[in-house]
C-alpha atoms as a PDB file:
ATOM      1  CA  MET A   1     -16.253  48.867   0.596  1.00  0.00           C
ATOM      2  CA  SER A   2     -13.229  51.051   0.064  1.00  0.00           C
ATOM      3  CA  ILE A   3     -10.367  50.191  -2.280  1.00  0.00           C
ATOM      4  CA  GLU A   4      -8.167  49.402   0.731  1.00  0.00           C
ATOM      5  CA  GLU A   5     -10.442  46.726   1.938  1.00  0.00           C
ATOM      6  CA  THR A   6      -9.997  43.289   0.680  1.00  0.00           C
ATOM      7  CA  ILE A   7     -12.310  40.229   0.594  1.00  0.00           C
ATOM      8  CA  THR A   8     -10.887  37.273   2.171  1.00  0.00           C
ATOM      9  CA  VAL A   9     -12.157  34.034   0.741  1.00  0.00           C
ATOM     10  CA  GLU A  10     -11.506  31.158   3.310  1.00  0.00           C
ATOM     11  CA  GLN A  11     -10.417  27.858   1.507  1.00  0.00           C
ATOM     12  CA  PRO A  12     -10.473  24.395   3.023  1.00  0.00           C
ATOM     13  CA  VAL A  13      -7.070  23.397   4.487  1.00  0.00           C
ATOM     14  CA  THR A  14      -5.662  19.943   4.553  1.00  0.00           C
ATOM     15  CA  VAL A  15      -2.821  19.361   6.984  1.00  0.00           C
ATOM     16  CA  MET A  16      -0.760  16.107   6.648  1.00  0.00           C
ATOM     17  CA  VAL A  17       1.423  15.172   9.592  1.00  0.00           C
ATOM     18  CA  VAL A  18       4.054  12.205   9.661  1.00  0.00           C
ATOM     19  CA  ARG A  19       5.074  11.001  13.179  1.00  0.00           C
ATOM     20  CA  THR A  20       7.528   8.362  14.083  1.00  0.00           C
ATOM     21  CA  VAL A  21       6.287   6.351  17.034  1.00  0.00           C
ATOM     22  CA  ARG A  22       8.854   5.273  19.670  1.00  0.00           C
ATOM     23  CA  ALA A  23       9.313   1.357  19.580  1.00  0.00           C
ATOM     24  CA  GLY A  24       6.848  -0.258  21.978  1.00  0.00           C
ATOM     25  CA  ALA A  25       4.703   2.861  22.373  1.00  0.00           C
ATOM     26  CA  GLU A  26       2.213   2.091  19.587  1.00  0.00           C
ATOM     27  CA  ALA A  27      -0.618   1.398  21.951  1.00  0.00           C
ATOM     28  CA  GLU A  28      -0.023   4.715  23.828  1.00  0.00           C
ATOM     29  CA  PHE A  29       0.268   6.600  20.493  1.00  0.00           C
ATOM     30  CA  GLU A  30      -3.072   4.995  19.208  1.00  0.00           C
ATOM     31  CA  ARG A  31      -4.805   6.204  22.457  1.00  0.00           C
ATOM     32  CA  ALA A  32      -3.327   9.748  22.182  1.00  0.00           C
ATOM     33  CA  MET A  33      -4.403  10.013  18.517  1.00  0.00           C
ATOM     34  CA  ALA A  34      -7.908   8.787  19.233  1.00  0.00           C
ATOM     35  CA  ALA A  35      -8.215  11.530  21.842  1.00  0.00           C
ATOM     36  CA  LEU A  36      -6.762  14.128  19.427  1.00  0.00           C
ATOM     37  CA  THR A  37      -9.111  12.921  16.720  1.00  0.00           C
ATOM     38  CA  ALA A  38     -12.124  13.118  18.964  1.00  0.00           C
ATOM     39  CA  SER A  39     -11.119  16.727  19.897  1.00  0.00           C
ATOM     40  CA  ALA A  40     -10.679  17.754  16.268  1.00  0.00           C
ATOM     41  CA  LEU A  41     -14.061  16.201  15.271  1.00  0.00           C
ATOM     42  CA  SER A  42     -15.853  18.356  18.022  1.00  0.00           C
ATOM     43  CA  TYR A  43     -14.367  21.566  16.636  1.00  0.00           C
ATOM     44  CA  PRO A  44     -16.257  23.967  14.227  1.00  0.00           C
ATOM     45  CA  GLY A  45     -15.283  23.512  10.740  1.00  0.00           C
ATOM     46  CA  HIS A  46     -13.722  20.128  10.947  1.00  0.00           C
ATOM     47  CA  LEU A  47     -14.267  18.056   7.819  1.00  0.00           C
ATOM     48  CA  GLY A  48     -12.501  14.901   8.849  1.00  0.00           C
ATOM     49  CA  VAL A  49      -9.387  13.022   9.885  1.00  0.00           C
ATOM     50  CA  ASN A  50      -7.637   9.981   8.493  1.00  0.00           C
ATOM     51  CA  VAL A  51      -4.986   8.026  10.289  1.00  0.00           C
ATOM     52  CA  PHE A  52      -2.804   5.946   8.079  1.00  0.00           C
ATOM     53  CA  ARG A  53      -0.920   3.316  10.043  1.00  0.00           C
ATOM     54  CA  PRO A  54       2.610   2.049   8.980  1.00  0.00           C
ATOM     55  CA  ALA A  55       2.341   0.065   5.693  1.00  0.00           C
ATOM     56  CA  THR A  56       5.037  -2.347   6.399  1.00  0.00           C
ATOM     57  CA  ALA A  57       6.582  -4.334   9.458  1.00  0.00           C
ATOM     58  CA  GLY A  58       9.291  -2.259  11.012  1.00  0.00           C
ATOM     59  CA  ASP A  59       7.944   0.973   9.797  1.00  0.00           C
ATOM     60  CA  ARG A  60       6.925   3.171  12.704  1.00  0.00           C
ATOM     61  CA  ARG A  61       5.734   6.231  10.721  1.00  0.00           C
ATOM     62  CA  TYR A  62       2.020   7.150  11.003  1.00  0.00           C
ATOM     63  CA  ARG A  63       0.474   9.639   8.517  1.00  0.00           C
ATOM     64  CA  ILE A  64      -2.398  11.754   9.824  1.00  0.00           C
ATOM     65  CA  VAL A  65      -4.534  14.053   7.707  1.00  0.00           C
ATOM     66  CA  PHE A  66      -6.717  16.638   9.181  1.00  0.00           C
ATOM     67  CA  LYS A  67      -9.159  18.603   7.085  1.00  0.00           C
ATOM     68  CA  PHE A  68     -10.823  21.932   8.089  1.00  0.00           C
ATOM     69  CA  ASP A  69     -13.130  24.180   6.178  1.00  0.00           C
ATOM     70  CA  SER A  70     -10.877  27.295   6.712  1.00  0.00           C
ATOM     71  CA  GLY A  71      -7.512  28.284   8.060  1.00  0.00           C
ATOM     72  CA  GLY A  72      -9.263  30.159  10.803  1.00  0.00           C
ATOM     73  CA  HIS A  73     -10.918  27.132  12.203  1.00  0.00           C
ATOM     74  CA  LEU A  74      -7.742  25.116  11.838  1.00  0.00           C
ATOM     75  CA  ASP A  75      -5.803  27.853  13.826  1.00  0.00           C
ATOM     76  CA  ALA A  76      -8.491  27.982  16.585  1.00  0.00           C
ATOM     77  CA  TRP A  77      -8.363  24.219  17.024  1.00  0.00           C
ATOM     78  CA  ARG A  78      -4.508  24.385  17.118  1.00  0.00           C
ATOM     79  CA  ALA A  79      -4.514  27.236  19.545  1.00  0.00           C
ATOM     80  CA  SER A  80      -6.878  25.530  22.018  1.00  0.00           C
ATOM     81  CA  ALA A  81      -5.509  24.462  25.461  1.00  0.00           C
ATOM     82  CA  GLU A  82      -6.980  21.004  24.909  1.00  0.00           C
ATOM     83  CA  THR A  83      -5.197  20.547  21.506  1.00  0.00           C
ATOM     84  CA  ARG A  84      -1.862  21.701  23.014  1.00  0.00           C
ATOM     85  CA  ARG A  85      -2.219  19.228  25.869  1.00  0.00           C
ATOM     86  CA  LEU A  86      -3.103  16.372  23.500  1.00  0.00           C
ATOM     87  CA  LEU A  87      -0.220  17.175  21.195  1.00  0.00           C
ATOM     88  CA  GLU A  88       2.195  16.979  24.213  1.00  0.00           C
ATOM     89  CA  CYS A  89       0.801  13.457  24.823  1.00  0.00           C
ATOM     90  CA  VAL A  90       1.474  12.620  21.323  1.00  0.00           C
ATOM     91  CA  GLN A  91       4.953  14.070  21.426  1.00  0.00           C
ATOM     92  CA  SER A  92       5.771  11.973  24.518  1.00  0.00           C
ATOM     93  CA  VAL A  93       5.415   8.713  22.590  1.00  0.00           C
ATOM     94  CA  THR A  94       7.035   9.863  19.323  1.00  0.00           C
ATOM     95  CA  GLU A  95      10.553  10.518  18.066  1.00  0.00           C
ATOM     96  CA  GLY A  96      11.805  13.737  16.577  1.00  0.00           C
ATOM     97  CA  GLU A  97       9.668  16.524  15.133  1.00  0.00           C
ATOM     98  CA  PRO A  98       6.597  15.964  13.024  1.00  0.00           C
ATOM     99  CA  GLU A  99       6.842  16.419   9.271  1.00  0.00           C
ATOM    100  CA  VAL A 100       3.951  18.858   8.533  1.00  0.00           C
ATOM    101  CA  THR A 101       2.553  19.808   5.147  1.00  0.00           C
ATOM    102  CA  GLU A 102      -0.380  22.234   4.771  1.00  0.00           C
ATOM    103  CA  LEU A 103      -2.270  22.359   1.501  1.00  0.00           C
ATOM    104  CA  THR A 104      -4.993  24.747   0.430  1.00  0.00           C
ATOM    105  CA  GLY A 105      -6.880  25.250  -2.770  1.00  0.00           C
ATOM    106  CA  LEU A 106      -6.162  22.905  -5.640  1.00  0.00           C
ATOM    107  CA  GLU A 107      -3.275  21.062  -4.014  1.00  0.00           C
ATOM    108  CA  ALA A 108      -5.718  19.513  -1.470  1.00  0.00           C
ATOM    109  CA  TRP A 109      -7.543  17.803  -4.344  1.00  0.00           C
ATOM    110  CA  PHE A 110      -4.259  16.198  -5.342  1.00  0.00           C
ATOM    111  CA  THR A 111      -3.363  14.072  -2.445  1.00  0.00           C
ATOM    112  CA  LEU A 112      -3.376  10.311  -2.337  1.00  0.00           C
ATOM    113  CA  PRO A 113      -4.163   8.272   0.850  1.00  0.00           C
ATOM    114  CA  GLY A 114      -1.101   7.049   2.490  1.00  0.00           C
ATOM    115  CA  ARG A 115       1.223   9.111   0.410  1.00  0.00           C
ATOM    116  CA  LEU A 116       2.714  12.386   1.465  1.00  0.00           C
ATOM    117  CA  PRO A 117       4.111  14.041  -1.597  1.00  0.00           C
ATOM    118  CA  ALA A 118       7.096  16.458  -0.893  1.00  0.00           C
ATOM    119  CA  THR A 119       5.442  18.839  -3.297  1.00  0.00           C
ATOM    120  CA  PRO A 120       2.170  19.083  -5.139  1.00  0.00           C
ATOM    121  CA  PRO A 121       2.104  18.132  -8.770  1.00  0.00           C
ATOM    122  CA  PRO A 122       2.976  21.027 -11.259  1.00  0.00           C
ATOM    123  CA  ARG A 123       0.245  23.577 -11.538  1.00  0.00           C
ATOM    124  CA  ARG A 124      -0.155  22.941 -15.314  1.00  0.00           C
ATOM    125  CA  ARG A 125      -0.995  19.291 -14.597  1.00  0.00           C
ATOM    126  CA  MET A 126      -3.311  20.139 -11.801  1.00  0.00           C
ATOM    127  CA  ALA A 127      -5.152  22.610 -14.007  1.00  0.00           C
ATOM    128  CA  LEU A 128      -5.464  20.024 -16.886  1.00  0.00           C
ATOM    129  CA  VAL A 129      -6.789  17.276 -14.549  1.00  0.00           C
ATOM    130  CA  THR A 130      -9.146  19.755 -13.016  1.00  0.00           C
ATOM    131  CA  TRP A 131     -10.582  20.761 -16.397  1.00  0.00           C
ATOM    132  CA  LEU A 132     -10.807  17.105 -17.473  1.00  0.00           C
ATOM    133  CA  ALA A 133     -12.928  16.554 -14.274  1.00  0.00           C
ATOM    134  CA  LEU A 134     -15.063  19.722 -14.606  1.00  0.00           C
ATOM    135  CA  TRP A 135     -15.993  19.769 -18.168  1.00  0.00           C
ATOM    136  CA  PRO A 136     -17.885  16.420 -18.288  1.00  0.00           C
ATOM    137  CA  LEU A 137     -19.184  16.883 -14.678  1.00  0.00           C
ATOM    138  CA  VAL A 138     -20.657  20.277 -15.300  1.00  0.00           C
ATOM    139  CA  SER A 139     -21.925  19.135 -18.703  1.00  0.00           C
ATOM    140  CA  LEU A 140     -23.697  16.053 -17.078  1.00  0.00           C
ATOM    141  CA  LEU A 141     -25.219  18.059 -14.293  1.00  0.00           C
ATOM    142  CA  LEU A 142     -26.469  20.769 -16.658  1.00  0.00           C
ATOM    143  CA  GLY A 143     -28.006  18.186 -19.000  1.00  0.00           C
ATOM    144  CA  LEU A 144     -29.702  16.337 -15.991  1.00  0.00           C
ATOM    145  CA  LEU A 145     -30.750  19.328 -13.931  1.00  0.00           C
ATOM    146  CA  GLY A 146     -30.825  22.227 -16.395  1.00  0.00           C
ATOM    147  CA  PRO A 147     -34.612  21.749 -17.469  1.00  0.00           C
ATOM    148  CA  TRP A 148     -35.684  21.477 -13.822  1.00  0.00           C
ATOM    149  CA  MET A 149     -33.685  24.547 -12.697  1.00  0.00           C
ATOM    150  CA  GLU A 150     -34.663  26.745 -15.589  1.00  0.00           C
ATOM    151  CA  PRO A 151     -37.583  28.382 -13.700  1.00  0.00           C
ATOM    152  CA  LEU A 152     -35.369  29.242 -10.758  1.00  0.00           C
ATOM    153  CA  PRO A 153     -33.554  32.724 -10.563  1.00  0.00           C
ATOM    154  CA  PHE A 154     -30.027  32.657 -12.050  1.00  0.00           C
ATOM    155  CA  LEU A 155     -28.200  32.944  -8.801  1.00  0.00           C
ATOM    156  CA  VAL A 156     -30.124  29.986  -7.361  1.00  0.00           C
ATOM    157  CA  ARG A 157     -29.386  27.871 -10.278  1.00  0.00           C
ATOM    158  CA  THR A 158     -25.652  28.722 -10.136  1.00  0.00           C
ATOM    159  CA  GLY A 159     -25.554  28.217  -6.354  1.00  0.00           C
ATOM    160  CA  ILE A 160     -27.091  24.816  -6.715  1.00  0.00           C
ATOM    161  CA  LEU A 161     -24.814  23.787  -9.636  1.00  0.00           C
ATOM    162  CA  THR A 162     -21.659  25.078  -8.106  1.00  0.00           C
ATOM    163  CA  GLY A 163     -22.435  23.466  -4.772  1.00  0.00           C
ATOM    164  CA  LEU A 164     -23.009  20.082  -6.322  1.00  0.00           C
ATOM    165  CA  VAL A 165     -19.879  20.449  -8.346  1.00  0.00           C
ATOM    166  CA  THR A 166     -17.823  21.312  -5.444  1.00  0.00           C
ATOM    167  CA  VAL A 167     -19.050  18.356  -3.255  1.00  0.00           C
ATOM    168  CA  LEU A 168     -18.625  15.905  -6.225  1.00  0.00           C
ATOM    169  CA  MET A 169     -15.244  17.226  -7.098  1.00  0.00           C
ATOM    170  CA  THR A 170     -13.937  17.073  -3.503  1.00  0.00           C
ATOM    171  CA  TRP A 171     -15.281  13.736  -2.329  1.00  0.00           C
ATOM    172  CA  VAL A 172     -16.059  11.623  -5.556  1.00  0.00           C
ATOM    173  CA  VAL A 173     -14.327  12.782  -8.701  1.00  0.00           C
ATOM    174  CA  MET A 174     -10.870  14.101  -7.716  1.00  0.00           C
ATOM    175  CA  PRO A 175      -9.859  11.375  -5.317  1.00  0.00           C
ATOM    176  CA  ARG A 176     -10.517   8.803  -8.052  1.00  0.00           C
ATOM    177  CA  LEU A 177      -8.998  10.822 -10.922  1.00  0.00           C
ATOM    178  CA  THR A 178      -5.995  11.721  -8.795  1.00  0.00           C
ATOM    179  CA  ALA A 179      -5.431   7.960  -8.049  1.00  0.00           C
ATOM    180  CA  LEU A 180      -5.933   7.039 -11.611  1.00  0.00           C
ATOM    181  CA  LEU A 181      -3.500   9.589 -12.999  1.00  0.00           C
ATOM    182  CA  SER A 182      -1.030   9.625 -10.129  1.00  0.00           C
ATOM    183  CA  GLY A 183       1.792   8.078 -12.127  1.00  0.00           C
ATOM    184  CA  TRP A 184       1.705  11.151 -14.506  1.00  0.00           C
ATOM    185  CA  LEU A 185       0.622  13.714 -11.969  1.00  0.00           C
ATOM    186  CA  PHE A 186       3.431  13.182  -9.493  1.00  0.00           C
ATOM    187  CA  ARG A 187       6.144  12.253 -12.032  1.00  0.00           C
ATOM    188  CA  PRO A 188       8.834  14.856 -11.993  1.00  0.00           C
ATOM    189  CA  PRO A 189       8.704  17.101 -15.178  1.00  0.00           C
ATOM    190  CA  ALA A 190      11.160  16.095 -17.902  1.00  0.00           C
ATOM    191  CA  GLN A 191      14.413  18.148 -17.683  1.00  0.00           C
END
């Protein structure tokens, strides 16, 4: 590899979209979103979708969260003719332009269901919460699995450990820790 070449590491991408549904078009919107969701689920790299319906009567804003394993897979899904057609169906039953927020890396760990923060928490808070999650998790996994993994080659041990940590952090630890500490995480810094 030459000095000019760079290694691109793809990170998971979370896209949060807020759409305001036209009054009386909720059933059409639900059908259009079901088709769009089915399309996304069939695409390579899709990690899941959540649709958060309006929380209160009179609110017509839906929040949709798409997760892909890489920006490349997200872009391929967005660029497909089927996705463009389905988005036109969604657009026909909504008002205005969608509010779209794209998160990669650590910011994606710090999202709360049903809440679309204008900005992610400050990096120093994200770093502290990440460390608070990683330290006990890695310590626990090393204590439990270390003796059984000792005969394995170093790279295999670290591969297993980092794989388990990544899965647990993404789907178990961080959603709960983010919800628990949300008051502090999302509070604006003191001036």
